[in-house]
C-alpha atoms as a PDB file:
ATOM      1  CA  ALA A   1       0.694   7.955   5.310  1.00  0.00           C
ATOM      2  CA  VAL A   2       1.639   9.031   1.822  1.00  0.00           C
ATOM      3  CA  VAL A   3      -0.977   9.002  -0.914  1.00  0.00           C
ATOM      4  CA  SER A   4      -0.048   8.024  -4.464  1.00  0.00           C
ATOM      5  CA  THR A   5      -2.231   9.946  -6.859  1.00  0.00           C
ATOM      6  CA  GLN A   6      -2.789   9.779 -10.580  1.00  0.00           C
ATOM      7  CA  SER A   7      -5.195  12.426 -11.805  1.00  0.00           C
ATOM      8  CA  GLY A   8      -7.872  11.290 -14.228  1.00  0.00           C
ATOM      9  CA  HIS A   9      -7.042   7.672 -13.552  1.00  0.00           C
ATOM     10  CA  TYR A  10     -10.339   5.761 -13.524  1.00  0.00           C
ATOM     11  CA  GLY A  11     -11.767   8.490 -11.313  1.00  0.00           C
ATOM     12  CA  ARG A  12      -9.773   7.042  -8.404  1.00  0.00           C
ATOM     13  CA  GLY A  13      -6.609   9.041  -8.095  1.00  0.00           C
ATOM     14  CA  ASN A  14      -6.479   9.561  -4.352  1.00  0.00           C
ATOM     15  CA  ASP A  15      -7.231   6.248  -2.662  1.00  0.00           C
ATOM     16  CA  ASN A  16      -3.810   4.574  -2.612  1.00  0.00           C
ATOM     17  CA  TYR A  17      -1.684   4.905   0.514  1.00  0.00           C
ATOM     18  CA  PHE A  18       1.699   3.862   1.873  1.00  0.00           C
ATOM     19  CA  CYS A  19       1.542   3.539   5.640  1.00  0.00           C
ATOM     20  CA  TRP A  20       3.951   2.564   8.402  1.00  0.00           C
ATOM     21  CA  LYS A  21       3.565   1.536  12.014  1.00  0.00           C
ATOM     22  CA  GLN A  22       3.361   4.296  14.612  1.00  0.00           C
ATOM     23  CA  THR A  23       6.414   2.790  16.282  1.00  0.00           C
ATOM     24  CA  VAL A  24       8.466   3.332  13.110  1.00  0.00           C
ATOM     25  CA  LYS A  25      10.041   6.695  12.350  1.00  0.00           C
ATOM     26  CA  ASN A  26       8.479   8.499   9.398  1.00  0.00           C
ATOM     27  CA  PRO A  27      10.603   7.333   6.431  1.00  0.00           C
ATOM     28  CA  GLY A  28      10.095  10.600   4.535  1.00  0.00           C
ATOM     29  CA  LEU A  29       8.296   8.995   1.593  1.00  0.00           C
ATOM     30  CA  ARG A  30       6.962  11.369  -1.035  1.00  0.00           C
ATOM     31  CA  TRP A  31       4.988  10.649  -4.207  1.00  0.00           C
ATOM     32  CA  ARG A  32       5.091  12.659  -7.375  1.00  0.00           C
ATOM     33  CA  SER A  33       3.095  12.066 -10.557  1.00  0.00           C
ATOM     34  CA  TRP A  34       5.085  14.368 -12.828  1.00  0.00           C
ATOM     35  CA  GLY A  35       8.723  13.343 -12.528  1.00  0.00           C
ATOM     36  CA  PRO A  36      11.340  12.755  -9.829  1.00  0.00           C
ATOM     37  CA  ILE A  37      11.598  15.136  -6.882  1.00  0.00           C
ATOM     38  CA  PRO A  38      14.838  17.114  -6.951  1.00  0.00           C
ATOM     39  CA  GLY A  39      17.062  16.423  -3.963  1.00  0.00           C
ATOM     40  CA  MET A  40      15.520  13.009  -3.266  1.00  0.00           C
ATOM     41  CA  ARG A  41      16.299   9.432  -4.353  1.00  0.00           C
ATOM     42  CA  CYS A  42      13.375   8.378  -6.523  1.00  0.00           C
ATOM     43  CA  THR A  43      12.151   5.111  -8.000  1.00  0.00           C
ATOM     44  CA  GLN A  44      10.077   5.242 -11.159  1.00  0.00           C
ATOM     45  CA  ILE A  45       6.730   3.453 -10.878  1.00  0.00           C
ATOM     46  CA  HIS A  46       5.863   2.385 -14.405  1.00  0.00           C
ATOM     47  CA  GLU A  47       3.493  -0.085 -16.011  1.00  0.00           C
ATOM     48  CA  GLY A  48       4.213  -0.210 -19.735  1.00  0.00           C
ATOM     49  CA  ALA A  49       0.984  -2.039 -20.519  1.00  0.00           C
ATOM     50  CA  ASP A  50      -1.140   0.724 -18.989  1.00  0.00           C
ATOM     51  CA  PRO A  51      -2.124   3.289 -21.659  1.00  0.00           C
ATOM     52  CA  HIS A  52      -2.484   6.080 -19.094  1.00  0.00           C
ATOM     53  CA  THR A  53       0.237   8.397 -17.828  1.00  0.00           C
ATOM     54  CA  TRP A  54       2.086   5.969 -15.552  1.00  0.00           C
ATOM     55  CA  ASN A  55       5.443   6.813 -17.127  1.00  0.00           C
ATOM     56  CA  ASP A  56       6.230   9.874 -14.999  1.00  0.00           C
ATOM     57  CA  ASN A  57       5.342   8.653 -11.490  1.00  0.00           C
ATOM     58  CA  TYR A  58       7.946   8.368  -8.751  1.00  0.00           C
ATOM     59  CA  LEU A  59       8.125   7.227  -5.146  1.00  0.00           C
ATOM     60  CA  CYS A  60      10.905   9.130  -3.412  1.00  0.00           C
ATOM     61  CA  VAL A  61      12.850   9.028  -0.159  1.00  0.00           C
ATOM     62  CA  PRO A  62      15.518  11.342   1.267  1.00  0.00           C
ATOM     63  CA  HIS A  63      19.052  10.503   0.124  1.00  0.00           C
ATOM     64  CA  SER A  64      19.847   9.652   3.740  1.00  0.00           C
ATOM     65  CA  SER A  65      17.181   6.917   3.840  1.00  0.00           C
ATOM     66  CA  LYS A  66      18.214   3.286   4.266  1.00  0.00           C
ATOM     67  CA  LEU A  67      15.321   2.312   1.969  1.00  0.00           C
ATOM     68  CA  ARG A  68      16.465   1.300  -1.515  1.00  0.00           C
ATOM     69  CA  PHE A  69      13.395   0.639  -3.617  1.00  0.00           C
ATOM     70  CA  HIS A  70      13.314  -1.475  -6.764  1.00  0.00           C
ATOM     71  CA  TRP A  71      10.278  -1.636  -9.066  1.00  0.00           C
ATOM     72  CA  SER A  72       9.100  -4.581 -11.105  1.00  0.00           C
ATOM     73  CA  SER A  73       6.117  -4.677 -13.442  1.00  0.00           C
ATOM     74  CA  ALA A  74       6.677  -8.389 -14.073  1.00  0.00           C
ATOM     75  CA  GLY A  75       6.468 -10.104 -10.684  1.00  0.00           C
ATOM     76  CA  GLY A  76       8.500  -9.985  -7.493  1.00  0.00           C
ATOM     77  CA  ILE A  77      12.282  -9.739  -7.605  1.00  0.00           C
ATOM     78  CA  ARG A  78      14.095 -12.862  -6.392  1.00  0.00           C
ATOM     79  CA  GLY A  79      16.158 -12.236  -3.279  1.00  0.00           C
ATOM     80  CA  ARG A  80      14.266  -9.074  -2.308  1.00  0.00           C
ATOM     81  CA  ARG A  81      11.334  -8.424   0.004  1.00  0.00           C
ATOM     82  CA  CYS A  82       8.445  -7.244  -2.150  1.00  0.00           C
ATOM     83  CA  LEU A  83       5.029  -5.696  -1.686  1.00  0.00           C
ATOM     84  CA  GLN A  84       2.442  -6.213  -4.407  1.00  0.00           C
ATOM     85  CA  TRP A  85       1.226  -2.938  -5.899  1.00  0.00           C
ATOM     86  CA  LEU A  86      -2.373  -3.627  -6.854  1.00  0.00           C
ATOM     87  CA  GLU A  87      -4.905  -1.216  -8.324  1.00  0.00           C
ATOM     88  CA  THR A  88      -8.178  -3.092  -8.485  1.00  0.00           C
ATOM     89  CA  ALA A  89      -9.925  -0.274 -10.368  1.00  0.00           C
ATOM     90  CA  ASP A  90      -7.430  -0.569 -13.221  1.00  0.00           C
ATOM     91  CA  PRO A  91      -7.780  -3.455 -15.708  1.00  0.00           C
ATOM     92  CA  HIS A  92      -4.326  -2.957 -17.289  1.00  0.00           C
ATOM     93  CA  THR A  93      -2.033  -5.722 -15.942  1.00  0.00           C
ATOM     94  CA  TRP A  94      -1.474  -4.267 -12.472  1.00  0.00           C
ATOM     95  CA  SER A  95      -1.697  -7.690 -10.828  1.00  0.00           C
ATOM     96  CA  ASP A  96       2.013  -8.441 -11.357  1.00  0.00           C
ATOM     97  CA  ASN A  97       3.566  -5.191 -10.114  1.00  0.00           C
ATOM     98  CA  PHE A  98       5.778  -5.129  -7.039  1.00  0.00           C
ATOM     99  CA  LEU A  99       7.761  -2.596  -5.027  1.00  0.00           C
ATOM    100  CA  CYS A 100      10.787  -4.272  -3.486  1.00  0.00           C
ATOM    101  CA  VAL A 101      13.587  -3.459  -1.068  1.00  0.00           C
END
């Protein structure tokens, strides 16, 4: 599992996880809350309506990964498989955010 953290974020910065089945090879996911990780392919996770520091957060995979993430803060992306990114502790429009492949 990879935890996505956001320090000082509603006092709940360490309770969000990306998990995968034990039968699936570790995809090499890494999270960073202060910019992209050098040497990795990173997708910015950004919610413009949130007044907190969600403008420098990235979910990253190795360049060799088959995963190609796409982020939307305005609903799922047509033609892609999407996972809703929901933070129930945050009242700032997180109900329409999706991470897609």
